[in-house]
Amino acid sequence: METIDLQTRKIYFIQEFLRFANDSIVEKFESMLHQERKKHYEQQIKPMSMEEYESRIDTAFDDFKNGRMTNARKLKQDIVKWK
């Protein structure tokens, strides 16, 4: 059996879809695409643990206390200079 690369498979699929798609088929594919996007998005989002959350807060307080921060106005001025 010949192996077809993904790009070629996509083209064949689109061609077939354009030939035979009606409202019902388009609705099914839209629904499936929406569900797959949602799954992909949810897999990318990982809630942080309470321990990580508290650690980030501690780091932020430590940065503030030790002067490791940037004033928003100063940051805007620096960004203008980047151009």
PDB file of N, CA and C in Angstrom:
ATOM      1  N   MET A   1       0.834  -1.191   0.000  1.00  0.00           N
ATOM      2  CA  MET A   1       0.000   0.000   0.000  1.00  0.00           C
ATOM      3  C   MET A   1       0.876   1.251   0.000  1.00  0.00           C
ATOM      4  N   GLU A   2       0.562   2.184  -0.851  1.00  0.00           N
ATOM      5  CA  GLU A   2       1.323   3.415  -0.985  1.00  0.00           C
ATOM      6  C   GLU A   2       1.005   4.362   0.171  1.00  0.00           C
ATOM      7  N   THR A   3       2.034   4.961   0.734  1.00  0.00           N
ATOM      8  CA  THR A   3       1.857   5.939   1.798  1.00  0.00           C
ATOM      9  C   THR A   3       1.749   7.325   1.166  1.00  0.00           C
ATOM     10  N   ILE A   4       0.677   8.026   1.516  1.00  0.00           N
ATOM     11  CA  ILE A   4       0.456   9.374   0.993  1.00  0.00           C
ATOM     12  C   ILE A   4       0.733  10.365   2.109  1.00  0.00           C
ATOM     13  N   ASP A   5       1.477  11.409   1.782  1.00  0.00           N
ATOM     14  CA  ASP A   5       1.784  12.404   2.809  1.00  0.00           C
ATOM     15  C   ASP A   5       0.518  13.166   3.207  1.00  0.00           C
ATOM     16  N   LEU A   6       0.582  13.797   4.342  1.00  0.00           N
ATOM     17  CA  LEU A   6      -0.580  14.483   4.914  1.00  0.00           C
ATOM     18  C   LEU A   6      -1.093  15.584   3.997  1.00  0.00           C
ATOM     19  N   GLN A   7      -0.197  16.340   3.401  1.00  0.00           N
ATOM     20  CA  GLN A   7      -0.610  17.445   2.530  1.00  0.00           C
ATOM     21  C   GLN A   7      -1.450  16.923   1.358  1.00  0.00           C
ATOM     22  N   THR A   8      -1.020  15.834   0.758  1.00  0.00           N
ATOM     23  CA  THR A   8      -1.747  15.243  -0.369  1.00  0.00           C
ATOM     24  C   THR A   8      -3.096  14.708   0.093  1.00  0.00           C
ATOM     25  N   ARG A   9      -3.117  14.073   1.256  1.00  0.00           N
ATOM     26  CA  ARG A   9      -4.390  13.572   1.807  1.00  0.00           C
ATOM     27  C   ARG A   9      -5.377  14.705   2.019  1.00  0.00           C
ATOM     28  N   LYS A  10      -4.877  15.834   2.520  1.00  0.00           N
ATOM     29  CA  LYS A  10      -5.756  16.992   2.739  1.00  0.00           C
ATOM     30  C   LYS A  10      -6.360  17.480   1.422  1.00  0.00           C
ATOM     31  N   ILE A  11      -5.535  17.538   0.394  1.00  0.00           N
ATOM     32  CA  ILE A  11      -6.023  17.998  -0.907  1.00  0.00           C
ATOM     33  C   ILE A  11      -7.086  17.050  -1.439  1.00  0.00           C
ATOM     34  N   TYR A  12      -6.823  15.727  -1.380  1.00  0.00           N
ATOM     35  CA  TYR A  12      -7.818  14.743  -1.829  1.00  0.00           C
ATOM     36  C   TYR A  12      -9.117  14.885  -1.037  1.00  0.00           C
ATOM     37  N   PHE A  13      -8.974  15.066   0.272  1.00  0.00           N
ATOM     38  CA  PHE A  13     -10.149  15.202   1.131  1.00  0.00           C
ATOM     39  C   PHE A  13     -10.980  16.424   0.736  1.00  0.00           C
ATOM     40  N   ILE A  14     -10.320  17.535   0.554  1.00  0.00           N
ATOM     41  CA  ILE A  14     -11.033  18.775   0.190  1.00  0.00           C
ATOM     42  C   ILE A  14     -11.730  18.623  -1.155  1.00  0.00           C
ATOM     43  N   GLN A  15     -11.040  17.997  -2.109  1.00  0.00           N
ATOM     44  CA  GLN A  15     -11.664  17.783  -3.412  1.00  0.00           C
ATOM     45  C   GLN A  15     -12.936  16.946  -3.288  1.00  0.00           C
ATOM     46  N   GLU A  16     -12.871  15.860  -2.531  1.00  0.00           N
ATOM     47  CA  GLU A  16     -14.044  15.007  -2.326  1.00  0.00           C
ATOM     48  C   GLU A  16     -15.139  15.751  -1.568  1.00  0.00           C
ATOM     49  N   PHE A  17     -14.733  16.486  -0.579  1.00  0.00           N
ATOM     50  CA  PHE A  17     -15.691  17.258   0.213  1.00  0.00           C
ATOM     51  C   PHE A  17     -16.440  18.252  -0.676  1.00  0.00           C
ATOM     52  N   LEU A  18     -15.711  18.940  -1.538  1.00  0.00           N
ATOM     53  CA  LEU A  18     -16.340  19.923  -2.418  1.00  0.00           C
ATOM     54  C   LEU A  18     -17.305  19.263  -3.416  1.00  0.00           C
ATOM     55  N   ARG A  19     -17.003  18.056  -3.805  1.00  0.00           N
ATOM     56  CA  ARG A  19     -17.872  17.347  -4.749  1.00  0.00           C
ATOM     57  C   ARG A  19     -19.196  16.916  -4.109  1.00  0.00           C
ATOM     58  N   PHE A  20     -19.136  16.466  -2.870  1.00  0.00           N
ATOM     59  CA  PHE A  20     -20.298  15.792  -2.281  1.00  0.00           C
ATOM     60  C   PHE A  20     -20.947  16.493  -1.098  1.00  0.00           C
ATOM     61  N   ALA A  21     -20.370  17.567  -0.615  1.00  0.00           N
ATOM     62  CA  ALA A  21     -20.882  18.200   0.596  1.00  0.00           C
ATOM     63  C   ALA A  21     -22.226  18.880   0.347  1.00  0.00           C
ATOM     64  N   ASN A  22     -23.140  18.622   1.279  1.00  0.00           N
ATOM     65  CA  ASN A  22     -24.412  19.340   1.305  1.00  0.00           C
ATOM     66  C   ASN A  22     -24.520  19.987   2.681  1.00  0.00           C
ATOM     67  N   ASP A  23     -25.636  20.654   2.963  1.00  0.00           N
ATOM     68  CA  ASP A  23     -25.786  21.346   4.252  1.00  0.00           C
ATOM     69  C   ASP A  23     -25.563  20.419   5.439  1.00  0.00           C
ATOM     70  N   SER A  24     -26.101  19.243   5.371  1.00  0.00           N
ATOM     71  CA  SER A  24     -25.998  18.294   6.480  1.00  0.00           C
ATOM     72  C   SER A  24     -24.545  17.889   6.730  1.00  0.00           C
ATOM     73  N   ILE A  25     -23.831  17.591   5.667  1.00  0.00           N
ATOM     74  CA  ILE A  25     -22.426  17.189   5.806  1.00  0.00           C
ATOM     75  C   ILE A  25     -21.591  18.354   6.321  1.00  0.00           C
ATOM     76  N   VAL A  26     -21.816  19.545   5.803  1.00  0.00           N
ATOM     77  CA  VAL A  26     -21.064  20.719   6.256  1.00  0.00           C
ATOM     78  C   VAL A  26     -21.314  20.960   7.742  1.00  0.00           C
ATOM     79  N   GLU A  27     -22.560  20.855   8.184  1.00  0.00           N
ATOM     80  CA  GLU A  27     -22.879  21.042   9.602  1.00  0.00           C
ATOM     81  C   GLU A  27     -22.161  20.014  10.469  1.00  0.00           C
ATOM     82  N   LYS A  28     -22.119  18.762  10.015  1.00  0.00           N
ATOM     83  CA  LYS A  28     -21.433  17.711  10.789  1.00  0.00           C
ATOM     84  C   LYS A  28     -19.941  18.013  10.901  1.00  0.00           C
ATOM     85  N   PHE A  29     -19.334  18.414   9.794  1.00  0.00           N
ATOM     86  CA  PHE A  29     -17.906  18.724   9.835  1.00  0.00           C
ATOM     87  C   PHE A  29     -17.619  19.970  10.663  1.00  0.00           C
ATOM     88  N   GLU A  30     -18.481  20.965  10.593  1.00  0.00           N
ATOM     89  CA  GLU A  30     -18.298  22.158  11.429  1.00  0.00           C
ATOM     90  C   GLU A  30     -18.360  21.787  12.906  1.00  0.00           C
ATOM     91  N   SER A  31     -19.308  20.937  13.245  1.00  0.00           N
ATOM     92  CA  SER A  31     -19.451  20.497  14.631  1.00  0.00           C
ATOM     93  C   SER A  31     -18.215  19.706  15.078  1.00  0.00           C
ATOM     94  N   MET A  32     -17.766  18.799  14.230  1.00  0.00           N
ATOM     95  CA  MET A  32     -16.588  17.993  14.562  1.00  0.00           C
ATOM     96  C   MET A  32     -15.350  18.880  14.709  1.00  0.00           C
ATOM     97  N   LEU A  33     -15.183  19.842  13.809  1.00  0.00           N
ATOM     98  CA  LEU A  33     -14.046  20.743  13.878  1.00  0.00           C
ATOM     99  C   LEU A  33     -14.081  21.571  15.161  1.00  0.00           C
ATOM    100  N   HIS A  34     -15.265  22.052  15.515  1.00  0.00           N
ATOM    101  CA  HIS A  34     -15.421  22.828  16.749  1.00  0.00           C
ATOM    102  C   HIS A  34     -15.028  21.980  17.963  1.00  0.00           C
ATOM    103  N   GLN A  35     -15.487  20.724  18.001  1.00  0.00           N
ATOM    104  CA  GLN A  35     -15.167  19.839  19.123  1.00  0.00           C
ATOM    105  C   GLN A  35     -13.671  19.555  19.201  1.00  0.00           C
ATOM    106  N   GLU A  36     -13.043  19.324  18.052  1.00  0.00           N
ATOM    107  CA  GLU A  36     -11.608  19.045  18.034  1.00  0.00           C
ATOM    108  C   GLU A  36     -10.791  20.261  18.450  1.00  0.00           C
ATOM    109  N   ARG A  37     -11.196  21.443  18.009  1.00  0.00           N
ATOM    110  CA  ARG A  37     -10.509  22.673  18.442  1.00  0.00           C
ATOM    111  C   ARG A  37     -10.612  22.834  19.948  1.00  0.00           C
ATOM    112  N   LYS A  38     -11.805  22.598  20.480  1.00  0.00           N
ATOM    113  CA  LYS A  38     -12.031  22.722  21.915  1.00  0.00           C
ATOM    114  C   LYS A  38     -11.139  21.743  22.681  1.00  0.00           C
ATOM    115  N   LYS A  39     -11.060  20.486  22.223  1.00  0.00           N
ATOM    116  CA  LYS A  39     -10.202  19.494  22.871  1.00  0.00           C
ATOM    117  C   LYS A  39      -8.747  19.943  22.845  1.00  0.00           C
ATOM    118  N   HIS A  40      -8.308  20.403  21.684  1.00  0.00           N
ATOM    119  CA  HIS A  40      -6.924  20.845  21.534  1.00  0.00           C
ATOM    120  C   HIS A  40      -6.636  22.017  22.481  1.00  0.00           C
ATOM    121  N   TYR A  41      -7.542  22.976  22.529  1.00  0.00           N
ATOM    122  CA  TYR A  41      -7.384  24.146  23.395  1.00  0.00           C
ATOM    123  C   TYR A  41      -7.322  23.722  24.863  1.00  0.00           C
ATOM    124  N   GLU A  42      -8.220  22.827  25.257  1.00  0.00           N
ATOM    125  CA  GLU A  42      -8.265  22.395  26.655  1.00  0.00           C
ATOM    126  C   GLU A  42      -7.023  21.609  27.040  1.00  0.00           C
ATOM    127  N   GLN A  43      -6.429  20.892  26.087  1.00  0.00           N
ATOM    128  CA  GLN A  43      -5.198  20.159  26.378  1.00  0.00           C
ATOM    129  C   GLN A  43      -4.031  21.112  26.606  1.00  0.00           C
ATOM    130  N   GLN A  44      -4.096  22.296  25.981  1.00  0.00           N
ATOM    131  CA  GLN A  44      -3.024  23.271  26.114  1.00  0.00           C
ATOM    132  C   GLN A  44      -3.072  24.007  27.456  1.00  0.00           C
ATOM    133  N   ILE A  45      -4.248  24.041  28.064  1.00  0.00           N
ATOM    134  CA  ILE A  45      -4.430  24.767  29.324  1.00  0.00           C
ATOM    135  C   ILE A  45      -4.233  23.790  30.480  1.00  0.00           C
ATOM    136  N   LYS A  46      -3.259  24.074  31.273  1.00  0.00           N
ATOM    137  CA  LYS A  46      -2.997  23.243  32.450  1.00  0.00           C
ATOM    138  C   LYS A  46      -3.113  24.137  33.680  1.00  0.00           C
ATOM    139  N   PRO A  47      -4.095  23.882  34.530  1.00  0.00           N
ATOM    140  CA  PRO A  47      -4.213  24.721  35.724  1.00  0.00           C
ATOM    141  C   PRO A  47      -2.988  24.548  36.625  1.00  0.00           C
ATOM    142  N   MET A  48      -2.532  25.640  37.206  1.00  0.00           N
ATOM    143  CA  MET A  48      -1.377  25.531  38.089  1.00  0.00           C
ATOM    144  C   MET A  48      -1.821  25.069  39.467  1.00  0.00           C
ATOM    145  N   SER A  49      -0.926  24.374  40.123  1.00  0.00           N
ATOM    146  CA  SER A  49      -1.214  23.895  41.473  1.00  0.00           C
ATOM    147  C   SER A  49      -1.185  25.082  42.433  1.00  0.00           C
ATOM    148  N   MET A  50      -1.760  24.886  43.595  1.00  0.00           N
ATOM    149  CA  MET A  50      -1.753  25.934  44.617  1.00  0.00           C
ATOM    150  C   MET A  50      -0.315  26.224  45.037  1.00  0.00           C
ATOM    151  N   GLU A  51       0.511  25.196  45.063  1.00  0.00           N
ATOM    152  CA  GLU A  51       1.918  25.372  45.428  1.00  0.00           C
ATOM    153  C   GLU A  51       2.633  26.272  44.409  1.00  0.00           C
ATOM    154  N   GLU A  52       2.389  26.038  43.120  1.00  0.00           N
ATOM    155  CA  GLU A  52       3.001  26.866  42.087  1.00  0.00           C
ATOM    156  C   GLU A  52       2.472  28.304  42.161  1.00  0.00           C
ATOM    157  N   TYR A  53       1.181  28.453  42.393  1.00  0.00           N
ATOM    158  CA  TYR A  53       0.558  29.767  42.516  1.00  0.00           C
ATOM    159  C   TYR A  53       1.198  30.559  43.656  1.00  0.00           C
ATOM    160  N   GLU A  54       1.314  29.923  44.814  1.00  0.00           N
ATOM    161  CA  GLU A  54       1.910  30.592  45.978  1.00  0.00           C
ATOM    162  C   GLU A  54       3.382  30.914  45.732  1.00  0.00           C
ATOM    163  N   SER A  55       4.081  30.027  45.028  1.00  0.00           N
ATOM    164  CA  SER A  55       5.487  30.266  44.703  1.00  0.00           C
ATOM    165  C   SER A  55       5.635  31.484  43.805  1.00  0.00           C
ATOM    166  N   ARG A  56       4.753  31.631  42.844  1.00  0.00           N
ATOM    167  CA  ARG A  56       4.806  32.795  41.955  1.00  0.00           C
ATOM    168  C   ARG A  56       4.533  34.087  42.716  1.00  0.00           C
ATOM    169  N   ILE A  57       3.605  34.029  43.657  1.00  0.00           N
ATOM    170  CA  ILE A  57       3.316  35.211  44.482  1.00  0.00           C
ATOM    171  C   ILE A  57       4.535  35.563  45.319  1.00  0.00           C
ATOM    172  N   ASP A  58       5.149  34.549  45.938  1.00  0.00           N
ATOM    173  CA  ASP A  58       6.354  34.786  46.745  1.00  0.00           C
ATOM    174  C   ASP A  58       7.464  35.396  45.895  1.00  0.00           C
ATOM    175  N   THR A  59       7.645  34.900  44.689  1.00  0.00           N
ATOM    176  CA  THR A  59       8.670  35.425  43.781  1.00  0.00           C
ATOM    177  C   THR A  59       8.368  36.879  43.424  1.00  0.00           C
ATOM    178  N   ALA A  60       7.103  37.178  43.175  1.00  0.00           N
ATOM    179  CA  ALA A  60       6.717  38.549  42.829  1.00  0.00           C
ATOM    180  C   ALA A  60       7.000  39.503  43.991  1.00  0.00           C
ATOM    181  N   PHE A  61       6.660  39.090  45.207  1.00  0.00           N
ATOM    182  CA  PHE A  61       6.935  39.928  46.377  1.00  0.00           C
ATOM    183  C   PHE A  61       8.439  40.123  46.558  1.00  0.00           C
ATOM    184  N   ASP A  62       9.194  39.051  46.362  1.00  0.00           N
ATOM    185  CA  ASP A  62      10.650  39.133  46.495  1.00  0.00           C
ATOM    186  C   ASP A  62      11.234  40.057  45.427  1.00  0.00           C
ATOM    187  N   ASP A  63      10.737  39.956  44.195  1.00  0.00           N
ATOM    188  CA  ASP A  63      11.196  40.847  43.122  1.00  0.00           C
ATOM    189  C   ASP A  63      10.910  42.299  43.485  1.00  0.00           C
ATOM    190  N   PHE A  64       9.714  42.573  43.995  1.00  0.00           N
ATOM    191  CA  PHE A  64       9.344  43.931  44.377  1.00  0.00           C
ATOM    192  C   PHE A  64      10.261  44.449  45.490  1.00  0.00           C
ATOM    193  N   LYS A  65      10.437  43.608  46.510  1.00  0.00           N
ATOM    194  CA  LYS A  65      11.244  43.992  47.666  1.00  0.00           C
ATOM    195  C   LYS A  65      12.693  44.286  47.264  1.00  0.00           C
ATOM    196  N   ASN A  66      13.204  43.573  46.266  1.00  0.00           N
ATOM    197  CA  ASN A  66      14.603  43.723  45.854  1.00  0.00           C
ATOM    198  C   ASN A  66      14.779  44.581  44.605  1.00  0.00           C
ATOM    199  N   GLY A  67      13.713  45.318  44.248  1.00  0.00           N
ATOM    200  CA  GLY A  67      13.822  46.274  43.154  1.00  0.00           C
ATOM    201  C   GLY A  67      13.930  45.660  41.766  1.00  0.00           C
ATOM    202  N   ARG A  68      13.532  44.419  41.613  1.00  0.00           N
ATOM    203  CA  ARG A  68      13.585  43.774  40.297  1.00  0.00           C
ATOM    204  C   ARG A  68      12.224  43.919  39.603  1.00  0.00           C
ATOM    205  N   MET A  69      11.939  45.147  39.224  1.00  0.00           N
ATOM    206  CA  MET A  69      10.674  45.434  38.547  1.00  0.00           C
ATOM    207  C   MET A  69      10.883  46.625  37.631  1.00  0.00           C
ATOM    208  N   THR A  70       9.936  46.812  36.736  1.00  0.00           N
ATOM    209  CA  THR A  70      10.018  47.916  35.792  1.00  0.00           C
ATOM    210  C   THR A  70       8.748  48.740  35.892  1.00  0.00           C
ATOM    211  N   ASN A  71       8.913  50.024  35.978  1.00  0.00           N
ATOM    212  CA  ASN A  71       7.798  50.956  35.992  1.00  0.00           C
ATOM    213  C   ASN A  71       7.147  50.951  34.610  1.00  0.00           C
ATOM    214  N   ALA A  72       5.832  50.981  34.553  1.00  0.00           N
ATOM    215  CA  ALA A  72       5.112  50.920  33.279  1.00  0.00           C
ATOM    216  C   ALA A  72       5.496  52.081  32.360  1.00  0.00           C
ATOM    217  N   ARG A  73       5.617  53.280  32.901  1.00  0.00           N
ATOM    218  CA  ARG A  73       6.009  54.436  32.077  1.00  0.00           C
ATOM    219  C   ARG A  73       7.403  54.240  31.488  1.00  0.00           C
ATOM    220  N   LYS A  74       8.329  53.775  32.330  1.00  0.00           N
ATOM    221  CA  LYS A  74       9.705  53.536  31.872  1.00  0.00           C
ATOM    222  C   LYS A  74       9.702  52.464  30.787  1.00  0.00           C
ATOM    223  N   LEU A  75       8.911  51.424  30.954  1.00  0.00           N
ATOM    224  CA  LEU A  75       8.832  50.359  29.966  1.00  0.00           C
ATOM    225  C   LEU A  75       8.328  50.895  28.625  1.00  0.00           C
ATOM    226  N   LYS A  76       7.290  51.748  28.681  1.00  0.00           N
ATOM    227  CA  LYS A  76       6.762  52.348  27.442  1.00  0.00           C
ATOM    228  C   LYS A  76       7.828  53.195  26.762  1.00  0.00           C
ATOM    229  N   GLN A  77       8.575  53.959  27.538  1.00  0.00           N
ATOM    230  CA  GLN A  77       9.641  54.783  26.960  1.00  0.00           C
ATOM    231  C   GLN A  77      10.717  53.886  26.315  1.00  0.00           C
ATOM    232  N   ASP A  78      11.059  52.802  26.963  1.00  0.00           N
ATOM    233  CA  ASP A  78      12.055  51.877  26.415  1.00  0.00           C
ATOM    234  C   ASP A  78      11.551  51.248  25.119  1.00  0.00           C
ATOM    235  N   ILE A  79      10.292  50.899  25.078  1.00  0.00           N
ATOM    236  CA  ILE A  79       9.723  50.264  23.885  1.00  0.00           C
ATOM    237  C   ILE A  79       9.781  51.216  22.691  1.00  0.00           C
ATOM    238  N   VAL A  80       9.494  52.490  22.928  1.00  0.00           N
ATOM    239  CA  VAL A  80       9.559  53.487  21.850  1.00  0.00           C
ATOM    240  C   VAL A  80      10.970  53.527  21.263  1.00  0.00           C
ATOM    241  N   LYS A  81      11.964  53.375  22.112  1.00  0.00           N
ATOM    242  CA  LYS A  81      13.372  53.415  21.656  1.00  0.00           C
ATOM    243  C   LYS A  81      13.731  52.187  20.831  1.00  0.00           C
ATOM    244  N   TRP A  82      13.012  51.083  20.959  1.00  0.00           N
ATOM    245  CA  TRP A  82      13.315  49.854  20.217  1.00  0.00           C
ATOM    246  C   TRP A  82      13.099  50.036  18.730  1.00  0.00           C
ATOM    247  N   LYS A  83      12.209  50.943  18.352  1.00  0.00           N
ATOM    248  CA  LYS A  83      11.832  51.091  16.944  1.00  0.00           C
ATOM    249  C   LYS A  83      12.904  51.694  16.098  1.00  0.00           C
TER     250      LYS A  83
END
